[in-house]
N, C-alpha and C. Protein backbone atom coordinates (compact mmCIF):
# COMPACT_ATOMS: atom_id res chain seq x y z
N MET A 1 84.50 121.56 155.22
CA MET A 1 84.39 122.64 154.44
C MET A 1 84.60 122.41 153.09
N ALA A 2 85.66 121.56 152.82
CA ALA A 2 85.99 120.88 151.65
C ALA A 2 84.73 120.09 150.99
N ALA A 3 84.16 119.48 151.81
CA ALA A 3 83.02 118.80 151.43
C ALA A 3 81.55 119.57 151.27
N GLY A 4 81.70 120.69 151.44
CA GLY A 4 80.51 121.60 151.02
C GLY A 4 79.79 122.05 152.32
N HIS A 5 80.29 121.65 153.71
CA HIS A 5 79.64 122.07 154.82
C HIS A 5 79.98 123.69 155.13
N ARG A 6 78.91 124.29 155.61
CA ARG A 6 79.05 125.59 156.02
C ARG A 6 79.18 125.92 157.68
N PRO A 7 80.05 126.87 157.88
CA PRO A 7 80.13 127.13 159.47
C PRO A 7 79.02 127.67 159.77
N ARG A 8 78.37 127.55 160.98
CA ARG A 8 77.31 127.97 161.59
C ARG A 8 77.53 128.68 162.89
N GLY A 9 78.69 128.48 163.53
CA GLY A 9 78.83 129.29 164.90
C GLY A 9 80.25 128.40 165.30
N LYS A 10 80.23 128.81 166.84
CA LYS A 10 81.35 128.09 167.42
C LYS A 10 80.84 127.61 168.92
N LYS A 11 81.55 126.69 169.40
CA LYS A 11 81.57 126.12 170.76
C LYS A 11 82.55 126.62 171.64
N ILE A 12 82.23 127.10 172.70
CA ILE A 12 83.46 127.35 173.79
C ILE A 12 83.55 126.14 174.66
N GLY A 13 84.80 125.51 174.92
CA GLY A 13 85.09 124.47 175.61
C GLY A 13 85.61 125.20 177.07
N ALA A 14 86.89 124.51 177.50
CA ALA A 14 87.36 125.01 178.80
C ALA A 14 87.90 126.26 178.74
N VAL A 15 87.66 126.97 179.65
CA VAL A 15 88.14 128.45 179.75
C VAL A 15 89.11 128.42 180.98
N GLU A 16 90.39 128.65 180.59
CA GLU A 16 91.34 129.01 181.46
C GLU A 16 91.64 130.16 182.04
N ARG A 17 91.61 130.38 183.41
CA ARG A 17 92.03 131.73 183.95
C ARG A 17 93.70 131.70 183.96
N ARG A 18 94.06 132.77 183.57
CA ARG A 18 95.56 133.10 183.51
C ARG A 18 95.80 134.61 184.06
N TRP A 19 96.99 134.61 184.73
CA TRP A 19 97.26 136.04 185.03
C TRP A 19 98.44 136.42 184.16
N ARG A 20 98.05 137.71 183.66
CA ARG A 20 99.33 138.32 182.90
C ARG A 20 99.46 139.74 183.15
N SER A 21 100.51 140.21 183.64
CA SER A 21 100.84 141.67 183.98
C SER A 21 99.79 142.11 185.01
N HIS A 22 99.68 141.21 186.00
CA HIS A 22 98.90 141.52 187.09
C HIS A 22 97.43 141.61 186.77
N ALA A 23 96.89 141.24 185.71
CA ALA A 23 95.63 141.37 185.26
C ALA A 23 95.12 139.99 184.80
N GLN A 24 93.76 139.54 185.14
CA GLN A 24 93.35 138.25 184.85
C GLN A 24 92.87 138.30 183.53
N ALA A 25 93.19 137.30 182.71
CA ALA A 25 92.71 136.97 181.27
C ALA A 25 92.02 135.85 181.24
N LEU A 26 91.17 135.79 180.11
CA LEU A 26 90.54 134.32 179.84
C LEU A 26 90.67 133.89 178.63
N GLU A 27 91.17 132.74 178.55
CA GLU A 27 91.65 131.99 177.29
C GLU A 27 90.64 130.85 176.98
N PRO A 28 89.67 130.89 176.27
CA PRO A 28 88.68 129.94 176.05
C PRO A 28 89.07 128.89 174.82
N GLY A 29 89.08 127.49 175.19
CA GLY A 29 89.34 126.67 173.96
C GLY A 29 87.87 126.75 173.07
N TRP A 30 87.93 126.56 171.73
CA TRP A 30 86.93 126.52 171.09
C TRP A 30 86.88 125.74 169.89
N GLY A 31 85.62 125.34 169.21
CA GLY A 31 85.63 124.66 168.02
C GLY A 31 84.58 125.14 167.19
N HIS A 32 84.60 124.59 165.86
CA HIS A 32 83.59 125.03 164.95
C HIS A 32 82.30 124.30 165.09
N ILE A 33 81.18 125.08 164.98
CA ILE A 33 79.79 124.42 164.61
C ILE A 33 79.56 124.48 163.07
N LEU A 34 79.29 123.31 162.33
CA LEU A 34 78.91 123.35 160.98
C LEU A 34 77.53 123.06 160.86
N ASP A 35 77.06 123.42 159.46
CA ASP A 35 75.51 123.02 159.46
C ASP A 35 75.29 121.59 159.69
N SER A 36 76.28 120.66 159.43
CA SER A 36 75.86 119.31 159.56
C SER A 36 75.90 118.78 161.00
N THR A 37 76.36 119.61 161.89
CA THR A 37 76.53 119.51 163.20
C THR A 37 75.36 120.17 164.08
N LEU A 38 74.76 121.00 163.45
CA LEU A 38 73.67 121.81 164.16
C LEU A 38 72.42 121.20 164.07
N LEU A 39 71.63 120.71 165.06
CA LEU A 39 70.59 120.13 165.02
C LEU A 39 69.33 120.91 165.90
N VAL A 40 68.00 120.67 165.55
CA VAL A 40 66.92 121.31 166.14
C VAL A 40 66.49 120.54 167.29
N ASP A 41 65.81 121.15 168.43
CA ASP A 41 64.95 120.40 169.53
C ASP A 41 64.21 119.12 169.10
N GLY A 42 64.43 118.13 169.82
CA GLY A 42 63.67 116.90 169.50
C GLY A 42 64.38 115.95 168.48
N THR A 43 65.59 116.45 167.88
CA THR A 43 66.27 115.34 167.08
C THR A 43 66.69 114.10 167.57
N ALA A 44 66.30 113.02 166.79
CA ALA A 44 66.74 111.78 167.02
C ALA A 44 68.09 111.43 166.31
N LEU A 45 69.07 111.28 167.27
CA LEU A 45 70.49 111.36 166.92
C LEU A 45 71.12 109.87 166.67
N PRO A 46 71.31 109.35 165.64
CA PRO A 46 72.08 107.82 165.48
C PRO A 46 73.17 107.66 166.20
N ALA A 47 73.26 106.71 167.15
CA ALA A 47 74.38 106.42 167.95
C ALA A 47 75.46 105.82 166.92
N SER A 48 75.41 105.33 166.00
CA SER A 48 76.28 104.88 164.85
C SER A 48 77.04 106.03 164.56
N HIS A 49 76.64 107.29 164.70
CA HIS A 49 77.72 108.33 164.27
C HIS A 49 78.49 108.73 165.42
N LEU A 50 78.48 108.08 166.57
CA LEU A 50 79.18 108.73 167.63
C LEU A 50 80.23 107.43 168.21
N ILE A 51 81.17 108.01 169.06
CA ILE A 51 82.14 107.01 169.54
C ILE A 51 82.11 106.94 171.12
N GLN A 52 82.22 107.81 171.74
CA GLN A 52 82.06 107.75 173.24
C GLN A 52 81.34 109.08 173.66
N PRO A 53 79.96 109.21 173.40
CA PRO A 53 79.42 110.77 173.57
C PRO A 53 78.99 110.95 174.86
N ARG A 54 78.99 112.24 175.08
CA ARG A 54 78.39 112.95 176.41
C ARG A 54 77.74 114.05 176.02
N VAL A 55 76.65 114.25 176.93
CA VAL A 55 75.69 115.55 176.66
C VAL A 55 75.91 116.55 177.77
N GLU A 56 75.99 117.82 177.28
CA GLU A 56 76.09 119.05 178.16
C GLU A 56 74.83 119.84 177.89
N ALA A 57 74.12 120.47 178.86
CA ALA A 57 73.12 121.62 178.94
C ALA A 57 74.03 122.86 178.68
N GLU A 58 73.48 123.67 177.80
CA GLU A 58 74.23 124.92 177.65
C GLU A 58 73.38 126.06 177.15
N PHE A 59 74.03 127.35 177.32
CA PHE A 59 73.28 128.42 176.68
C PHE A 59 73.77 128.64 175.55
N ALA A 60 72.70 129.05 174.34
CA ALA A 60 73.26 129.27 173.04
C ALA A 60 72.89 130.84 172.75
N PHE A 61 73.93 131.53 172.20
CA PHE A 61 73.68 132.79 171.99
C PHE A 61 73.65 133.13 170.49
N LEU A 62 72.54 133.73 169.85
CA LEU A 62 72.50 133.75 168.39
C LEU A 62 72.96 135.44 168.22
N LEU A 63 74.02 135.56 167.51
CA LEU A 63 74.58 137.06 167.33
C LEU A 63 73.60 137.88 166.09
N ALA A 64 73.37 138.97 166.36
CA ALA A 64 72.82 139.78 165.39
C ALA A 64 73.70 140.55 164.48
N ARG A 65 74.86 140.63 165.10
CA ARG A 65 76.02 141.57 164.32
C ARG A 65 77.26 140.89 164.70
N ASP A 66 78.28 141.44 163.94
CA ASP A 66 79.64 140.94 164.20
C ASP A 66 80.20 141.49 165.57
N LEU A 67 81.04 140.57 166.05
CA LEU A 67 81.33 141.03 167.53
C LEU A 67 83.10 140.62 167.61
N ALA A 68 83.97 141.63 167.66
CA ALA A 68 85.34 141.17 167.65
C ALA A 68 86.06 142.19 168.52
N GLY A 69 87.07 141.72 169.19
CA GLY A 69 87.90 142.19 170.06
C GLY A 69 89.16 142.83 169.27
N PRO A 70 90.08 143.56 169.94
CA PRO A 70 90.17 143.56 171.38
C PRO A 70 89.20 144.66 172.08
N GLY A 71 88.97 144.35 173.33
CA GLY A 71 88.18 145.46 174.11
C GLY A 71 86.58 145.14 174.12
N VAL A 72 86.30 144.08 173.74
CA VAL A 72 84.80 143.49 173.96
C VAL A 72 84.28 143.64 175.46
N THR A 73 83.36 143.92 175.52
CA THR A 73 82.71 143.89 177.04
C THR A 73 81.51 143.26 177.18
N ALA A 74 80.91 142.95 178.29
CA ALA A 74 79.71 142.30 178.23
C ALA A 74 78.43 143.05 177.60
N ALA A 75 78.62 144.42 177.98
CA ALA A 75 77.63 145.42 177.29
C ALA A 75 77.71 145.37 175.82
N HIS A 76 78.93 145.22 175.23
CA HIS A 76 79.18 144.96 173.70
C HIS A 76 78.43 143.60 173.28
N ALA A 77 78.59 142.67 174.22
CA ALA A 77 78.34 141.09 173.67
C ALA A 77 76.72 141.07 173.69
N LEU A 78 76.07 141.68 174.83
CA LEU A 78 74.60 141.85 174.78
C LEU A 78 73.92 142.60 173.83
N ALA A 79 74.50 143.82 173.43
CA ALA A 79 73.99 144.46 172.36
C ALA A 79 74.07 143.91 170.96
N SER A 80 75.00 142.98 170.78
CA SER A 80 75.28 142.29 169.57
C SER A 80 74.42 140.98 169.52
N THR A 81 73.78 140.60 170.60
CA THR A 81 72.97 139.38 170.59
C THR A 81 71.67 139.43 170.25
N ALA A 82 71.22 138.77 169.26
CA ALA A 82 69.74 138.61 168.93
C ALA A 82 68.91 138.07 169.93
N GLY A 83 69.37 136.97 170.48
CA GLY A 83 68.64 136.26 171.50
C GLY A 83 69.40 135.08 171.89
N VAL A 84 69.01 134.45 173.21
CA VAL A 84 69.48 133.39 173.91
C VAL A 84 68.58 132.30 173.83
N CYS A 85 69.01 131.01 173.71
CA CYS A 85 68.29 129.95 173.83
C CYS A 85 68.73 128.78 174.48
N ALA A 86 67.98 127.79 174.88
CA ALA A 86 68.50 126.57 175.62
C ALA A 86 69.21 125.66 174.49
N ALA A 87 70.26 124.76 174.89
CA ALA A 87 70.92 124.01 173.89
C ALA A 87 71.55 122.84 174.82
N PHE A 88 71.72 121.77 173.96
CA PHE A 88 72.51 120.81 174.26
C PHE A 88 73.89 120.84 173.38
N GLU A 89 74.98 120.50 173.84
CA GLU A 89 76.18 120.09 172.99
C GLU A 89 76.35 118.64 173.33
N VAL A 90 76.49 117.93 172.21
CA VAL A 90 76.93 116.42 172.32
C VAL A 90 78.56 116.49 172.08
N ILE A 91 79.23 116.10 173.08
CA ILE A 91 80.77 115.97 172.95
C ILE A 91 81.36 114.50 172.69
N ASP A 92 82.19 114.52 171.98
CA ASP A 92 82.78 113.17 171.74
C ASP A 92 84.35 113.18 171.25
N SER A 93 84.93 112.18 171.45
CA SER A 93 86.36 112.10 171.49
C SER A 93 86.98 110.86 170.67
N ARG A 94 87.74 111.14 169.71
CA ARG A 94 88.38 110.02 168.83
C ARG A 94 89.70 109.53 169.62
N PHE A 95 89.88 110.21 170.79
CA PHE A 95 91.15 109.93 171.40
C PHE A 95 90.75 109.01 172.53
N ARG A 96 91.13 107.70 172.42
CA ARG A 96 90.90 106.73 173.60
C ARG A 96 91.92 105.47 173.53
N PRO A 97 92.30 104.93 174.52
CA PRO A 97 91.79 105.28 175.81
C PRO A 97 92.64 106.22 176.45
N LYS A 98 93.56 106.91 175.85
CA LYS A 98 94.41 108.00 176.43
C LYS A 98 93.64 109.26 177.04
N ALA A 99 94.24 109.95 177.93
CA ALA A 99 93.70 111.27 178.18
C ALA A 99 94.09 112.20 177.32
N PRO A 100 93.37 113.02 176.66
CA PRO A 100 93.55 113.86 175.56
C PRO A 100 94.39 114.94 176.10
N THR A 101 95.28 115.64 175.11
CA THR A 101 95.96 116.63 175.54
C THR A 101 95.26 117.89 175.01
N LYS A 102 95.85 119.24 175.10
CA LYS A 102 95.25 120.31 174.63
C LYS A 102 95.27 120.47 173.08
N GLU A 103 96.47 119.83 172.85
CA GLU A 103 96.58 119.73 171.35
C GLU A 103 95.57 118.82 170.66
N ASP A 104 95.53 117.64 171.37
CA ASP A 104 94.40 116.74 170.93
C ASP A 104 93.06 117.34 170.87
N ALA A 105 92.75 118.23 171.85
CA ALA A 105 91.45 118.79 171.82
C ALA A 105 91.46 119.70 170.61
N THR A 106 92.41 120.47 170.18
CA THR A 106 92.40 121.39 169.05
C THR A 106 92.12 120.61 167.98
N ALA A 107 92.98 119.42 167.52
CA ALA A 107 92.91 118.56 166.46
C ALA A 107 91.40 117.91 166.32
N ASP A 108 90.84 117.77 167.47
CA ASP A 108 89.38 116.97 167.35
C ASP A 108 88.36 118.11 167.55
N ASN A 109 88.48 119.38 167.12
CA ASN A 109 87.59 120.42 167.15
C ASN A 109 86.93 120.57 168.38
N ALA A 110 87.86 120.62 169.25
CA ALA A 110 87.25 120.80 170.95
C ALA A 110 86.09 119.92 171.13
N PHE A 111 86.30 118.43 170.58
CA PHE A 111 85.46 117.36 170.86
C PHE A 111 83.96 117.62 170.60
N HIS A 112 83.74 118.78 169.60
CA HIS A 112 82.42 118.95 169.25
C HIS A 112 81.80 117.85 168.28
N ALA A 113 80.70 117.26 168.71
CA ALA A 113 79.88 116.43 167.82
C ALA A 113 78.73 116.95 167.18
N TYR A 114 77.86 117.44 168.11
CA TYR A 114 76.71 118.02 167.70
C TYR A 114 76.24 119.16 168.59
N ALA A 115 75.34 120.13 168.03
CA ALA A 115 74.82 121.33 168.99
C ALA A 115 73.19 121.03 168.62
N VAL A 116 72.55 121.09 169.79
CA VAL A 116 71.00 120.99 169.36
C VAL A 116 70.46 122.34 170.31
N VAL A 117 69.89 122.99 169.42
CA VAL A 117 69.25 124.40 170.06
C VAL A 117 67.75 124.31 170.11
N GLY A 118 67.34 125.04 171.04
CA GLY A 118 65.80 125.14 171.18
C GLY A 118 65.25 126.26 170.27
N ALA A 119 64.01 126.06 170.35
CA ALA A 119 63.22 127.05 169.23
C ALA A 119 62.96 128.37 169.80
N GLN A 120 62.92 128.46 171.39
CA GLN A 120 62.43 129.62 172.19
C GLN A 120 63.60 130.64 172.33
N LEU A 121 63.69 131.51 171.63
CA LEU A 121 64.75 132.79 171.55
C LEU A 121 64.25 133.88 172.29
N VAL A 122 65.05 134.21 173.32
CA VAL A 122 64.85 135.36 174.42
C VAL A 122 65.68 136.42 174.33
N ALA A 123 65.53 137.81 173.91
CA ALA A 123 66.45 138.80 174.13
C ALA A 123 66.92 138.84 175.52
N PRO A 124 68.35 139.05 175.66
CA PRO A 124 69.14 138.95 176.91
C PRO A 124 69.28 140.23 177.69
N LEU A 125 68.95 141.31 177.09
CA LEU A 125 69.42 142.52 177.52
C LEU A 125 69.01 142.85 179.08
N ASP A 126 67.61 142.29 179.43
CA ASP A 126 66.98 142.72 180.55
C ASP A 126 67.14 141.30 181.52
N LEU A 127 67.91 140.36 181.19
CA LEU A 127 67.78 139.17 181.70
C LEU A 127 69.07 138.83 182.84
N ASP A 128 69.00 138.27 183.92
CA ASP A 128 69.88 137.79 184.62
C ASP A 128 70.30 136.41 184.32
N LEU A 129 71.15 136.07 183.40
CA LEU A 129 71.48 134.78 182.86
C LEU A 129 72.24 134.00 184.02
N ALA A 130 72.81 134.57 184.74
CA ALA A 130 73.48 134.11 185.93
C ALA A 130 72.60 133.24 186.98
N ALA A 131 71.34 133.92 187.00
CA ALA A 131 70.56 133.32 188.02
C ALA A 131 69.49 132.05 187.50
N PHE A 132 69.61 132.13 186.03
CA PHE A 132 68.90 130.96 185.36
C PHE A 132 69.37 129.61 185.80
N ALA A 133 68.26 128.71 186.37
CA ALA A 133 68.39 127.41 186.74
C ALA A 133 68.37 126.49 185.55
N VAL A 134 69.04 125.44 185.57
CA VAL A 134 69.05 124.48 184.55
C VAL A 134 69.12 123.14 185.16
N ARG A 135 68.30 122.18 184.75
CA ARG A 135 68.23 120.85 185.11
C ARG A 135 68.30 119.73 184.06
N LEU A 136 69.03 118.80 184.07
CA LEU A 136 69.33 118.08 182.90
C LEU A 136 69.00 116.60 183.37
N GLU A 137 68.12 115.87 182.69
CA GLU A 137 67.51 114.60 182.91
C GLU A 137 67.99 113.54 181.94
N ILE A 138 68.18 112.26 182.30
CA ILE A 138 68.36 111.32 181.20
C ILE A 138 67.65 110.11 181.60
N ASN A 139 66.69 109.76 180.68
CA ASN A 139 65.35 108.88 181.05
C ASN A 139 64.77 109.17 182.32
N GLY A 140 64.49 110.37 182.44
CA GLY A 140 63.58 110.73 183.53
C GLY A 140 64.47 111.01 184.76
N GLU A 141 65.75 110.51 185.01
CA GLU A 141 66.49 110.75 186.03
C GLU A 141 67.29 111.90 186.13
N ALA A 142 67.27 112.74 187.04
CA ALA A 142 67.95 113.98 186.97
C ALA A 142 69.51 113.74 187.18
N LYS A 143 70.31 114.22 186.39
CA LYS A 143 71.85 113.97 186.23
C LYS A 143 72.60 115.10 186.60
N GLY A 144 72.17 116.30 186.48
CA GLY A 144 72.83 117.49 186.78
C GLY A 144 71.95 118.72 186.92
N THR A 145 72.34 119.69 187.83
CA THR A 145 71.62 120.87 188.00
C THR A 145 72.83 121.87 188.08
N GLY A 146 72.22 123.03 187.65
CA GLY A 146 73.15 124.33 187.74
C GLY A 146 72.68 125.57 187.49
N SER A 147 73.35 126.45 187.41
CA SER A 147 72.87 127.92 186.86
C SER A 147 73.90 128.62 186.03
N GLY A 148 73.36 129.58 185.14
CA GLY A 148 74.19 130.43 184.49
C GLY A 148 75.50 130.84 185.17
N ALA A 149 75.46 130.92 186.41
CA ALA A 149 76.57 131.43 187.33
C ALA A 149 77.63 130.58 187.12
N ASN A 150 77.40 129.17 186.81
CA ASN A 150 78.31 128.20 186.61
C ASN A 150 79.57 128.36 185.56
N ILE A 151 79.13 129.27 184.67
CA ILE A 151 79.99 129.61 183.60
C ILE A 151 80.58 131.02 183.74
N LEU A 152 81.71 131.12 184.32
CA LEU A 152 82.36 132.20 184.61
C LEU A 152 81.61 133.47 185.20
N GLY A 153 80.57 133.05 186.02
CA GLY A 153 79.74 133.91 186.73
C GLY A 153 78.58 134.37 186.02
N ASN A 154 78.55 134.26 184.70
CA ASN A 154 77.60 134.62 183.77
C ASN A 154 77.85 134.01 182.35
N PRO A 155 77.04 133.44 181.59
CA PRO A 155 77.53 132.87 180.23
C PRO A 155 77.86 133.91 179.33
N VAL A 156 77.57 135.10 179.38
CA VAL A 156 77.86 136.25 178.47
C VAL A 156 79.35 136.54 178.78
N HIS A 157 80.01 136.11 179.97
CA HIS A 157 81.48 136.24 180.04
C HIS A 157 82.29 135.32 179.27
N ALA A 158 81.74 134.12 179.14
CA ALA A 158 82.34 133.20 178.09
C ALA A 158 82.29 133.84 176.56
N LEU A 159 81.13 134.31 176.24
CA LEU A 159 81.01 134.97 174.92
C LEU A 159 82.04 136.03 174.76
N VAL A 160 82.09 136.82 175.79
CA VAL A 160 83.19 138.04 175.73
C VAL A 160 84.76 137.50 175.51
N ALA A 161 84.96 136.28 176.26
CA ALA A 161 86.32 135.94 176.38
C ALA A 161 86.55 135.38 174.83
N LEU A 162 85.50 134.82 174.29
CA LEU A 162 85.75 134.20 172.84
C LEU A 162 85.87 135.34 171.79
N ALA A 163 85.01 136.34 171.98
CA ALA A 163 85.09 137.64 171.09
C ALA A 163 86.43 138.34 171.00
N ASN A 164 87.17 138.12 172.23
CA ASN A 164 88.34 138.85 172.26
C ASN A 164 89.53 138.14 171.84
N VAL A 165 89.50 136.83 171.44
CA VAL A 165 90.39 136.21 170.79
C VAL A 165 90.30 135.70 169.41
N VAL A 166 88.92 135.61 169.02
CA VAL A 166 88.53 135.27 167.55
C VAL A 166 87.55 136.21 167.34
N PRO A 167 87.37 136.58 165.98
CA PRO A 167 86.24 137.38 165.48
C PRO A 167 85.03 136.55 165.21
N LEU A 168 83.82 137.12 165.77
CA LEU A 168 82.48 136.50 165.70
C LEU A 168 81.62 137.27 164.58
N HIS A 169 80.72 136.49 164.13
CA HIS A 169 80.11 137.07 163.00
C HIS A 169 78.38 137.15 163.26
N GLY A 170 77.82 138.06 162.70
CA GLY A 170 76.20 138.07 162.80
C GLY A 170 75.77 136.85 162.08
N GLY A 171 74.79 136.17 162.79
CA GLY A 171 74.09 135.06 162.48
C GLY A 171 74.66 133.88 162.93
N GLU A 172 75.93 134.03 163.63
CA GLU A 172 76.59 132.77 164.16
C GLU A 172 75.88 132.38 165.52
N ILE A 173 75.84 130.97 165.79
CA ILE A 173 75.39 130.53 167.13
C ILE A 173 76.49 130.23 167.98
N ILE A 174 76.64 130.65 169.09
CA ILE A 174 77.93 130.46 170.04
C ILE A 174 77.47 129.83 171.43
N LEU A 175 77.87 128.50 171.64
CA LEU A 175 77.48 127.84 172.71
C LEU A 175 78.69 128.20 173.83
N THR A 176 78.17 128.42 174.99
CA THR A 176 79.06 128.95 176.02
C THR A 176 79.58 128.06 177.05
N GLY A 177 79.33 126.84 176.80
CA GLY A 177 79.95 125.80 177.83
C GLY A 177 79.07 125.09 178.70
N SER A 178 79.33 124.07 179.43
CA SER A 178 78.42 123.34 180.20
C SER A 178 78.03 123.97 181.59
N VAL A 179 76.68 123.90 181.68
CA VAL A 179 76.16 124.51 183.18
C VAL A 179 76.37 123.44 184.28
N ALA A 180 76.10 121.94 183.78
CA ALA A 180 75.84 121.10 185.02
C ALA A 180 76.56 119.83 184.68
N GLY A 181 77.62 119.82 183.93
CA GLY A 181 78.58 118.68 183.80
C GLY A 181 78.23 117.94 182.43
N ALA A 182 78.87 116.96 182.18
CA ALA A 182 78.84 116.07 180.88
C ALA A 182 78.55 114.85 181.27
N PHE A 183 77.47 114.07 180.71
CA PHE A 183 77.06 112.71 181.17
C PHE A 183 76.83 111.93 179.75
N PRO A 184 77.51 110.59 179.98
CA PRO A 184 77.47 109.67 178.93
C PRO A 184 76.13 109.36 178.41
N ILE A 185 75.80 109.11 177.22
CA ILE A 185 74.65 108.68 176.55
C ILE A 185 74.77 107.69 175.54
N GLY A 186 73.82 107.00 175.37
CA GLY A 186 73.79 105.66 174.54
C GLY A 186 72.48 105.40 173.81
N PRO A 187 72.57 104.52 173.08
CA PRO A 187 71.17 104.02 172.14
C PRO A 187 70.04 103.91 173.22
N GLY A 188 68.83 104.54 172.81
CA GLY A 188 67.63 104.47 173.72
C GLY A 188 67.51 105.49 174.64
N ASP A 189 68.69 106.17 174.87
CA ASP A 189 68.43 107.28 176.10
C ASP A 189 67.59 108.55 175.50
N GLN A 190 66.77 109.16 176.39
CA GLN A 190 65.98 110.15 176.14
C GLN A 190 66.67 111.31 177.09
N VAL A 191 67.15 112.43 176.58
CA VAL A 191 67.60 113.29 177.25
C VAL A 191 66.68 114.79 177.35
N ARG A 192 66.53 115.25 178.45
CA ARG A 192 65.63 116.62 178.53
C ARG A 192 66.56 117.48 179.54
N ALA A 193 66.30 118.73 179.05
CA ALA A 193 66.92 119.92 179.90
C ALA A 193 65.80 121.01 180.07
N GLU A 194 65.60 121.41 181.19
CA GLU A 194 64.71 122.52 181.58
C GLU A 194 65.56 123.76 182.01
N PHE A 195 65.13 124.82 181.11
CA PHE A 195 66.06 126.18 181.61
C PHE A 195 65.01 127.13 182.06
N ASP A 196 65.06 127.85 183.09
CA ASP A 196 64.39 128.97 183.56
C ASP A 196 64.43 129.94 182.22
N ARG A 197 62.91 130.29 181.98
CA ARG A 197 62.59 131.36 181.04
C ARG A 197 62.74 131.08 179.58
N LEU A 198 63.64 129.88 179.30
CA LEU A 198 64.07 129.53 177.96
C LEU A 198 63.29 128.09 177.60
N GLY A 199 62.65 127.53 178.58
CA GLY A 199 61.89 126.26 178.18
C GLY A 199 62.76 125.23 178.37
N ALA A 200 61.89 123.99 177.82
CA ALA A 200 62.87 122.70 177.84
C ALA A 200 63.23 122.32 176.39
N ILE A 201 64.30 121.44 176.33
CA ILE A 201 64.69 120.72 175.03
C ILE A 201 65.02 119.35 175.28
N THR A 202 64.75 118.50 174.09
CA THR A 202 65.00 117.25 174.31
C THR A 202 65.84 116.73 173.13
N LEU A 203 66.57 115.49 173.47
CA LEU A 203 67.17 114.84 172.41
C LEU A 203 67.08 113.40 172.59
N LYS A 204 66.97 112.56 171.53
CA LYS A 204 66.96 111.17 171.61
C LYS A 204 67.93 110.46 170.85
N VAL A 205 68.62 109.50 171.58
CA VAL A 205 69.64 108.74 170.95
C VAL A 205 69.04 107.37 170.48
N GLU A 206 69.29 107.16 169.07
CA GLU A 206 68.61 105.89 168.51
C GLU A 206 69.71 104.76 168.41
C-alpha cells in the first residue's frame, strides 16, 4: 500500500468450524488481493517471482455493493454479488522448511501470491454453485476434481463467513477457497481449469 498498490479484494483461506454457545460459527482465515497480485486469464507468470508456489482452482465473487455483518446470510450475499467467475489462486509461503503457524499465515497475507480471474462473469442468483464441477489440469494431466460443495457445502457460505467478520466493499473480488486441492507448479507448467457454466481458465509459468 505504501508503494502505491491498491486493494482489489480478499482471498479466503482455511475456514475453521467452531462451536460457541451451542451454535456453529465459521471463522475464515483471509488475506488481501492487491492490483499487483490480480491477473487475467491466460497470464504468463514468471517463476522468478515465486518461492514454492502451488495453484488452486477457486470460485471468484465480484461484489456489486457493500456487504458487512453481523447477520449476513446467503441471500444477502447473493443479492450483493454482480457475478461469479472461474479463478486460480497461486499460493506461496516464505516460511520454509518449518510448518507455518496460524500467526505465520497472517503475517504472510494468508499465503496469497496471485489471483487469476476468468472473463466469463455469471450472475449467481439462479445457479446451484454447489453442483458446479471443476477439473484442474497441469500439462494436460488431471490433478484434481471437485465441486462447489467442497467449499462449506456451497461457495457462497464462505463469502457469508468472511462478510460476518470483516466488511466487504462493492467492486471487490472475493476468492472463496480451493475446490480441488493445491498443486505444485514450476517453470514451463501449463495450468488449466474447467468449470461448469463458467468456462475454462489458463495460466502459464515461465
